[in-house]
Amino acid sequence: MFGLVAVLWLTRGFAAAGEALQVTNARVPASDQIGIDLPLVMTIRNDAPEADALLRVRCPFANFAVRHTVDRGEGAPAMREIKSIPIPESKTTELKHDGHHVMLLQTRQQLVDGETFTCTIVFQKGGTKETEVQVSRTP
């Protein structure tokens, strides 16, 4: 009986964390080329009382996705792959090309301005979110 109560409590906690995360304004630049790498940017609102992390992204038009941050040390800014993207509690996080973002690698098709795709975004605590991604010529 205790095990069932614990499972129900944990499941409710994960559901609440998932409901507290909203992903909006996800977009990728339009491109006539195939096999290139493009940034996926988005806005993530975390209304939960604890931090989360973006762990993985899967999009049907790219072979791979990696999480990046931009280092601004000496010289020009440089992208660096990171294990996860931190999502602070009770804040809105903007993933953008000159900060934390997801880089989609080896696109499989041309991306036409105005198209939309559904990508899967996986969070450590918030679970999996199916998110609409807009293809746009404007940044």
N, C-alpha and C. Protein backbone atom coordinates (compact mmCIF):
# COMPACT_ATOMS: atom_id res chain seq x y z
N MET A 1 0.82 -1.19 0.00
CA MET A 1 0.00 0.00 0.00
C MET A 1 0.87 1.26 0.00
N PHE A 2 1.92 1.27 0.85
CA PHE A 2 2.81 2.44 0.89
C PHE A 2 3.44 2.70 -0.47
N GLY A 3 3.84 1.62 -1.18
CA GLY A 3 4.44 1.76 -2.51
C GLY A 3 3.50 2.44 -3.48
N LEU A 4 2.23 2.07 -3.46
CA LEU A 4 1.24 2.68 -4.34
C LEU A 4 1.07 4.17 -4.03
N VAL A 5 1.03 4.51 -2.77
CA VAL A 5 0.90 5.91 -2.36
C VAL A 5 2.11 6.70 -2.83
N ALA A 6 3.30 6.14 -2.67
CA ALA A 6 4.52 6.82 -3.11
C ALA A 6 4.52 7.02 -4.62
N VAL A 7 4.11 6.01 -5.38
CA VAL A 7 4.06 6.13 -6.84
C VAL A 7 3.07 7.21 -7.25
N LEU A 8 1.89 7.22 -6.63
CA LEU A 8 0.90 8.24 -6.95
C LEU A 8 1.40 9.63 -6.61
N TRP A 9 2.07 9.78 -5.47
CA TRP A 9 2.61 11.07 -5.07
C TRP A 9 3.68 11.54 -6.05
N LEU A 10 4.60 10.65 -6.43
CA LEU A 10 5.65 11.01 -7.39
C LEU A 10 5.07 11.35 -8.74
N THR A 11 4.09 10.56 -9.21
CA THR A 11 3.46 10.82 -10.50
C THR A 11 2.79 12.19 -10.49
N ARG A 12 2.09 12.52 -9.41
CA ARG A 12 1.44 13.82 -9.31
C ARG A 12 2.49 14.93 -9.30
N GLY A 13 3.61 14.73 -8.63
CA GLY A 13 4.68 15.72 -8.61
C GLY A 13 5.26 15.96 -9.98
N PHE A 14 5.49 14.89 -10.75
CA PHE A 14 6.01 15.05 -12.11
C PHE A 14 4.98 15.72 -13.00
N ALA A 15 3.72 15.38 -12.85
CA ALA A 15 2.67 16.01 -13.65
C ALA A 15 2.61 17.50 -13.35
N ALA A 16 2.70 17.86 -12.09
CA ALA A 16 2.65 19.27 -11.71
C ALA A 16 3.85 20.01 -12.30
N ALA A 17 5.03 19.39 -12.27
CA ALA A 17 6.22 20.02 -12.86
C ALA A 17 6.02 20.22 -14.35
N GLY A 18 5.43 19.25 -15.02
CA GLY A 18 5.19 19.35 -16.45
C GLY A 18 4.19 20.43 -16.79
N GLU A 19 3.16 20.57 -15.98
CA GLU A 19 2.15 21.60 -16.21
C GLU A 19 2.71 22.99 -15.93
N ALA A 20 3.71 23.09 -15.10
CA ALA A 20 4.30 24.39 -14.76
C ALA A 20 5.23 24.91 -15.85
N LEU A 21 5.59 24.07 -16.82
CA LEU A 21 6.46 24.48 -17.92
C LEU A 21 5.64 24.79 -19.16
N GLN A 22 5.86 25.95 -19.73
CA GLN A 22 5.24 26.30 -21.00
C GLN A 22 6.32 26.66 -22.00
N VAL A 23 6.27 26.04 -23.18
CA VAL A 23 7.21 26.33 -24.26
C VAL A 23 6.45 27.10 -25.32
N THR A 24 6.94 28.29 -25.66
CA THR A 24 6.29 29.13 -26.67
C THR A 24 7.33 29.71 -27.62
N ASN A 25 6.83 30.26 -28.71
CA ASN A 25 7.66 31.00 -29.66
C ASN A 25 8.86 30.18 -30.15
N ALA A 26 8.67 28.87 -30.33
CA ALA A 26 9.76 28.03 -30.85
C ALA A 26 9.86 28.26 -32.35
N ARG A 27 11.08 28.51 -32.81
CA ARG A 27 11.25 28.79 -34.23
C ARG A 27 12.66 28.41 -34.70
N VAL A 28 12.72 28.17 -36.00
CA VAL A 28 13.97 27.82 -36.66
C VAL A 28 14.01 28.64 -37.96
N PRO A 29 15.20 29.06 -38.41
CA PRO A 29 15.25 29.85 -39.63
C PRO A 29 14.93 29.03 -40.88
N ALA A 30 14.32 29.68 -41.85
CA ALA A 30 14.06 29.04 -43.14
C ALA A 30 15.39 28.82 -43.85
N SER A 31 15.43 27.77 -44.69
CA SER A 31 16.66 27.47 -45.43
C SER A 31 16.33 26.66 -46.68
N ASP A 32 17.01 27.00 -47.78
CA ASP A 32 16.86 26.25 -49.02
C ASP A 32 17.83 25.07 -49.07
N GLN A 33 18.76 25.01 -48.14
CA GLN A 33 19.78 23.97 -48.15
C GLN A 33 19.37 22.77 -47.31
N ILE A 34 19.94 21.63 -47.64
CA ILE A 34 19.74 20.39 -46.88
C ILE A 34 21.09 19.98 -46.31
N GLY A 35 21.09 19.38 -45.12
CA GLY A 35 22.32 18.90 -44.51
C GLY A 35 23.08 19.94 -43.73
N ILE A 36 22.41 21.04 -43.39
CA ILE A 36 23.08 22.11 -42.63
C ILE A 36 22.65 22.08 -41.17
N ASP A 37 23.30 22.92 -40.36
CA ASP A 37 22.99 23.04 -38.94
C ASP A 37 22.29 24.37 -38.70
N LEU A 38 21.19 24.33 -37.93
CA LEU A 38 20.40 25.54 -37.66
C LEU A 38 20.04 25.63 -36.18
N PRO A 39 20.00 26.85 -35.63
CA PRO A 39 19.61 27.00 -34.23
C PRO A 39 18.09 26.92 -34.07
N LEU A 40 17.66 26.26 -33.01
CA LEU A 40 16.27 26.24 -32.59
C LEU A 40 16.19 27.13 -31.36
N VAL A 41 15.38 28.19 -31.44
CA VAL A 41 15.23 29.10 -30.31
C VAL A 41 13.80 29.01 -29.80
N MET A 42 13.59 29.38 -28.54
CA MET A 42 12.26 29.29 -27.94
C MET A 42 12.24 30.03 -26.62
N THR A 43 11.04 30.18 -26.08
CA THR A 43 10.83 30.76 -24.76
C THR A 43 10.27 29.67 -23.86
N ILE A 44 10.85 29.52 -22.68
CA ILE A 44 10.38 28.51 -21.72
C ILE A 44 10.04 29.22 -20.42
N ARG A 45 8.79 29.10 -20.00
CA ARG A 45 8.33 29.66 -18.73
C ARG A 45 8.22 28.53 -17.72
N ASN A 46 8.94 28.66 -16.61
CA ASN A 46 8.88 27.66 -15.55
C ASN A 46 8.21 28.28 -14.33
N ASP A 47 6.95 27.93 -14.10
CA ASP A 47 6.21 28.43 -12.95
C ASP A 47 6.35 27.53 -11.73
N ALA A 48 7.15 26.48 -11.83
CA ALA A 48 7.36 25.56 -10.72
C ALA A 48 8.26 26.21 -9.66
N PRO A 49 8.15 25.76 -8.42
CA PRO A 49 9.00 26.32 -7.35
C PRO A 49 10.42 25.75 -7.35
N GLU A 50 10.75 24.90 -8.32
CA GLU A 50 12.11 24.37 -8.40
C GLU A 50 12.61 24.41 -9.83
N ALA A 51 13.93 24.47 -9.97
CA ALA A 51 14.56 24.54 -11.28
C ALA A 51 14.37 23.23 -12.05
N ASP A 52 14.50 23.30 -13.34
CA ASP A 52 14.41 22.14 -14.22
C ASP A 52 15.58 22.22 -15.19
N ALA A 53 15.62 21.32 -16.16
CA ALA A 53 16.67 21.34 -17.17
C ALA A 53 16.14 20.74 -18.46
N LEU A 54 16.51 21.35 -19.59
CA LEU A 54 16.18 20.81 -20.89
C LEU A 54 17.24 19.76 -21.22
N LEU A 55 16.81 18.52 -21.42
CA LEU A 55 17.75 17.41 -21.63
C LEU A 55 17.91 16.99 -23.09
N ARG A 56 16.81 17.06 -23.86
CA ARG A 56 16.86 16.47 -25.20
C ARG A 56 15.79 17.12 -26.08
N VAL A 57 16.09 17.19 -27.39
CA VAL A 57 15.13 17.68 -28.38
C VAL A 57 15.19 16.75 -29.58
N ARG A 58 14.02 16.41 -30.11
CA ARG A 58 13.93 15.61 -31.34
C ARG A 58 13.01 16.34 -32.30
N CYS A 59 13.51 16.61 -33.50
CA CYS A 59 12.72 17.27 -34.54
C CYS A 59 12.76 16.40 -35.80
N PRO A 60 11.64 16.27 -36.51
CA PRO A 60 11.59 15.37 -37.67
C PRO A 60 12.44 15.81 -38.85
N PHE A 61 12.85 17.05 -38.88
CA PHE A 61 13.60 17.57 -40.03
C PHE A 61 15.11 17.64 -39.79
N ALA A 62 15.61 17.11 -38.66
CA ALA A 62 17.04 17.13 -38.35
C ALA A 62 17.47 15.76 -37.82
N ASN A 63 18.69 15.37 -38.15
CA ASN A 63 19.20 14.08 -37.68
C ASN A 63 19.58 14.08 -36.20
N PHE A 64 20.10 15.21 -35.72
CA PHE A 64 20.57 15.30 -34.34
C PHE A 64 20.22 16.66 -33.76
N ALA A 65 20.26 16.75 -32.44
CA ALA A 65 20.10 18.03 -31.75
C ALA A 65 21.06 18.04 -30.56
N VAL A 66 21.78 19.16 -30.41
CA VAL A 66 22.68 19.31 -29.27
C VAL A 66 22.38 20.61 -28.55
N ARG A 67 22.62 20.62 -27.25
CA ARG A 67 22.42 21.80 -26.45
C ARG A 67 23.72 22.60 -26.44
N HIS A 68 23.60 23.90 -26.64
CA HIS A 68 24.77 24.77 -26.71
C HIS A 68 24.63 25.95 -25.77
N THR A 69 25.78 26.47 -25.39
CA THR A 69 25.87 27.78 -24.77
C THR A 69 26.93 28.54 -25.56
N VAL A 70 26.95 29.84 -25.42
CA VAL A 70 27.94 30.66 -26.11
C VAL A 70 28.88 31.22 -25.05
N ASP A 71 30.17 30.88 -25.18
CA ASP A 71 31.20 31.40 -24.28
C ASP A 71 31.74 32.70 -24.84
N ARG A 72 31.92 33.66 -23.96
CA ARG A 72 32.47 34.95 -24.37
C ARG A 72 33.75 35.21 -23.59
N GLY A 73 34.76 34.44 -23.87
CA GLY A 73 36.06 34.62 -23.23
C GLY A 73 36.88 35.59 -24.05
N GLU A 74 38.14 35.34 -24.12
CA GLU A 74 39.00 36.16 -24.96
C GLU A 74 38.74 35.83 -26.42
N GLY A 75 38.73 36.84 -27.26
CA GLY A 75 38.48 36.61 -28.68
C GLY A 75 36.99 36.57 -28.99
N ALA A 76 36.68 35.93 -30.11
CA ALA A 76 35.29 35.88 -30.58
C ALA A 76 34.46 34.90 -29.74
N PRO A 77 33.15 35.15 -29.64
CA PRO A 77 32.28 34.20 -28.93
C PRO A 77 32.35 32.82 -29.60
N ALA A 78 32.24 31.77 -28.81
CA ALA A 78 32.33 30.41 -29.34
C ALA A 78 31.23 29.54 -28.73
N MET A 79 30.60 28.70 -29.59
CA MET A 79 29.59 27.77 -29.10
C MET A 79 30.27 26.59 -28.43
N ARG A 80 29.65 26.12 -27.34
CA ARG A 80 30.17 24.97 -26.62
C ARG A 80 28.99 24.07 -26.29
N GLU A 81 29.15 22.77 -26.57
CA GLU A 81 28.10 21.81 -26.25
C GLU A 81 28.02 21.61 -24.74
N ILE A 82 26.79 21.53 -24.22
CA ILE A 82 26.58 21.29 -22.80
C ILE A 82 25.62 20.12 -22.62
N LYS A 83 25.65 19.51 -21.45
CA LYS A 83 24.83 18.32 -21.17
C LYS A 83 23.35 18.65 -21.10
N SER A 84 23.02 19.79 -20.50
CA SER A 84 21.62 20.21 -20.37
C SER A 84 21.57 21.73 -20.29
N ILE A 85 20.39 22.28 -20.55
CA ILE A 85 20.19 23.72 -20.44
C ILE A 85 19.39 23.99 -19.17
N PRO A 86 19.95 24.77 -18.24
CA PRO A 86 19.24 25.03 -16.98
C PRO A 86 18.00 25.90 -17.22
N ILE A 87 16.92 25.55 -16.54
CA ILE A 87 15.68 26.31 -16.59
C ILE A 87 15.35 26.71 -15.15
N PRO A 88 15.67 27.95 -14.76
CA PRO A 88 15.47 28.37 -13.37
C PRO A 88 14.00 28.34 -12.95
N GLU A 89 13.78 28.16 -11.66
CA GLU A 89 12.42 28.16 -11.13
C GLU A 89 11.81 29.56 -11.20
N SER A 90 10.51 29.60 -11.40
CA SER A 90 9.71 30.84 -11.38
C SER A 90 10.27 31.93 -12.28
N LYS A 91 10.76 31.55 -13.46
CA LYS A 91 11.34 32.52 -14.40
C LYS A 91 11.01 32.12 -15.84
N THR A 92 11.19 33.09 -16.73
CA THR A 92 11.10 32.85 -18.16
C THR A 92 12.51 32.83 -18.72
N THR A 93 12.83 31.80 -19.48
CA THR A 93 14.14 31.64 -20.09
C THR A 93 14.01 31.75 -21.59
N GLU A 94 14.81 32.62 -22.18
CA GLU A 94 14.84 32.78 -23.64
C GLU A 94 16.03 32.00 -24.18
N LEU A 95 15.77 31.00 -24.99
CA LEU A 95 16.86 30.31 -25.68
C LEU A 95 17.06 31.05 -27.00
N LYS A 96 18.25 31.59 -27.23
CA LYS A 96 18.53 32.35 -28.43
C LYS A 96 19.92 32.04 -28.96
N HIS A 97 20.15 32.37 -30.21
CA HIS A 97 21.37 31.93 -30.89
C HIS A 97 22.65 32.44 -30.25
N ASP A 98 22.60 33.54 -29.50
CA ASP A 98 23.82 34.06 -28.89
C ASP A 98 23.93 33.74 -27.40
N GLY A 99 23.11 32.78 -26.94
CA GLY A 99 23.15 32.31 -25.55
C GLY A 99 22.89 30.82 -25.54
N HIS A 100 22.14 30.35 -24.55
CA HIS A 100 21.73 28.95 -24.56
C HIS A 100 20.78 28.73 -25.73
N HIS A 101 20.95 27.64 -26.46
CA HIS A 101 20.05 27.28 -27.54
C HIS A 101 20.26 25.81 -27.89
N VAL A 102 19.40 25.33 -28.77
CA VAL A 102 19.53 23.97 -29.29
C VAL A 102 19.97 24.09 -30.74
N MET A 103 21.02 23.38 -31.11
CA MET A 103 21.47 23.38 -32.50
C MET A 103 20.97 22.09 -33.15
N LEU A 104 20.20 22.25 -34.21
CA LEU A 104 19.71 21.10 -34.98
C LEU A 104 20.72 20.81 -36.06
N LEU A 105 21.21 19.58 -36.10
CA LEU A 105 22.29 19.21 -37.00
C LEU A 105 21.80 18.34 -38.16
N GLN A 106 22.37 18.58 -39.31
CA GLN A 106 22.12 17.78 -40.52
C GLN A 106 20.63 17.76 -40.87
N THR A 107 20.13 18.93 -41.29
CA THR A 107 18.73 19.00 -41.69
C THR A 107 18.47 18.03 -42.84
N ARG A 108 17.26 17.47 -42.87
CA ARG A 108 16.90 16.45 -43.86
C ARG A 108 16.13 17.01 -45.05
N GLN A 109 15.71 18.27 -44.95
CA GLN A 109 14.88 18.85 -46.00
C GLN A 109 15.02 20.36 -45.98
N GLN A 110 14.52 21.00 -47.03
CA GLN A 110 14.46 22.45 -47.05
C GLN A 110 13.40 22.88 -46.05
N LEU A 111 13.62 24.02 -45.44
CA LEU A 111 12.67 24.55 -44.46
C LEU A 111 12.08 25.84 -45.03
N VAL A 112 10.81 25.80 -45.35
CA VAL A 112 10.13 26.89 -46.05
C VAL A 112 9.46 27.82 -45.05
N ASP A 113 9.65 29.13 -45.26
CA ASP A 113 9.04 30.14 -44.41
C ASP A 113 7.54 29.89 -44.27
N GLY A 114 7.05 29.85 -43.03
CA GLY A 114 5.64 29.65 -42.76
C GLY A 114 5.27 28.21 -42.40
N GLU A 115 6.15 27.25 -42.68
CA GLU A 115 5.87 25.86 -42.30
C GLU A 115 5.92 25.71 -40.78
N THR A 116 5.25 24.68 -40.28
CA THR A 116 5.36 24.33 -38.86
C THR A 116 5.63 22.84 -38.75
N PHE A 117 6.33 22.48 -37.69
CA PHE A 117 6.65 21.10 -37.37
C PHE A 117 6.39 20.89 -35.88
N THR A 118 6.21 19.66 -35.49
CA THR A 118 6.11 19.34 -34.07
C THR A 118 7.42 18.68 -33.65
N CYS A 119 8.06 19.27 -32.65
CA CYS A 119 9.29 18.73 -32.09
C CYS A 119 8.99 18.26 -30.66
N THR A 120 9.77 17.30 -30.20
CA THR A 120 9.63 16.77 -28.86
C THR A 120 10.75 17.33 -28.00
N ILE A 121 10.38 17.94 -26.88
CA ILE A 121 11.35 18.52 -25.97
C ILE A 121 11.22 17.78 -24.64
N VAL A 122 12.34 17.30 -24.12
CA VAL A 122 12.35 16.51 -22.89
C VAL A 122 13.04 17.30 -21.78
N PHE A 123 12.32 17.45 -20.66
CA PHE A 123 12.84 18.13 -19.49
C PHE A 123 13.11 17.11 -18.39
N GLN A 124 14.04 17.43 -17.52
CA GLN A 124 14.42 16.53 -16.43
C GLN A 124 13.25 16.24 -15.50
N LYS A 125 12.54 17.26 -15.08
CA LYS A 125 11.44 17.09 -14.14
C LYS A 125 10.08 17.25 -14.81
N GLY A 126 10.01 18.09 -15.82
CA GLY A 126 8.75 18.41 -16.48
C GLY A 126 8.31 17.41 -17.52
N GLY A 127 9.14 16.40 -17.79
CA GLY A 127 8.75 15.37 -18.75
C GLY A 127 8.86 15.84 -20.19
N THR A 128 8.07 15.21 -21.03
CA THR A 128 8.13 15.43 -22.48
C THR A 128 7.04 16.40 -22.91
N LYS A 129 7.42 17.35 -23.75
CA LYS A 129 6.48 18.33 -24.30
C LYS A 129 6.54 18.27 -25.82
N GLU A 130 5.39 18.10 -26.44
CA GLU A 130 5.28 18.21 -27.89
C GLU A 130 5.09 19.70 -28.19
N THR A 131 5.96 20.26 -29.01
CA THR A 131 5.98 21.71 -29.22
C THR A 131 5.95 22.05 -30.69
N GLU A 132 5.10 22.98 -31.07
CA GLU A 132 5.05 23.44 -32.45
C GLU A 132 6.21 24.38 -32.71
N VAL A 133 6.93 24.12 -33.81
CA VAL A 133 8.08 24.94 -34.20
C VAL A 133 7.75 25.62 -35.53
N GLN A 134 7.88 26.92 -35.56
CA GLN A 134 7.60 27.73 -36.74
C GLN A 134 8.87 27.94 -37.54
N VAL A 135 8.81 27.76 -38.86
CA VAL A 135 9.93 28.11 -39.74
C VAL A 135 9.71 29.57 -40.15
N SER A 136 10.75 30.39 -39.97
CA SER A 136 10.59 31.82 -40.20
C SER A 136 11.84 32.44 -40.80
N ARG A 137 11.66 33.32 -41.76
CA ARG A 137 12.79 34.07 -42.33
C ARG A 137 13.30 35.12 -41.36
N THR A 138 12.42 35.63 -40.49
CA THR A 138 12.84 36.65 -39.53
C THR A 138 13.39 35.99 -38.28
N PRO A 139 14.43 36.56 -37.69
CA PRO A 139 15.05 35.95 -36.49
C PRO A 139 14.13 35.87 -35.30
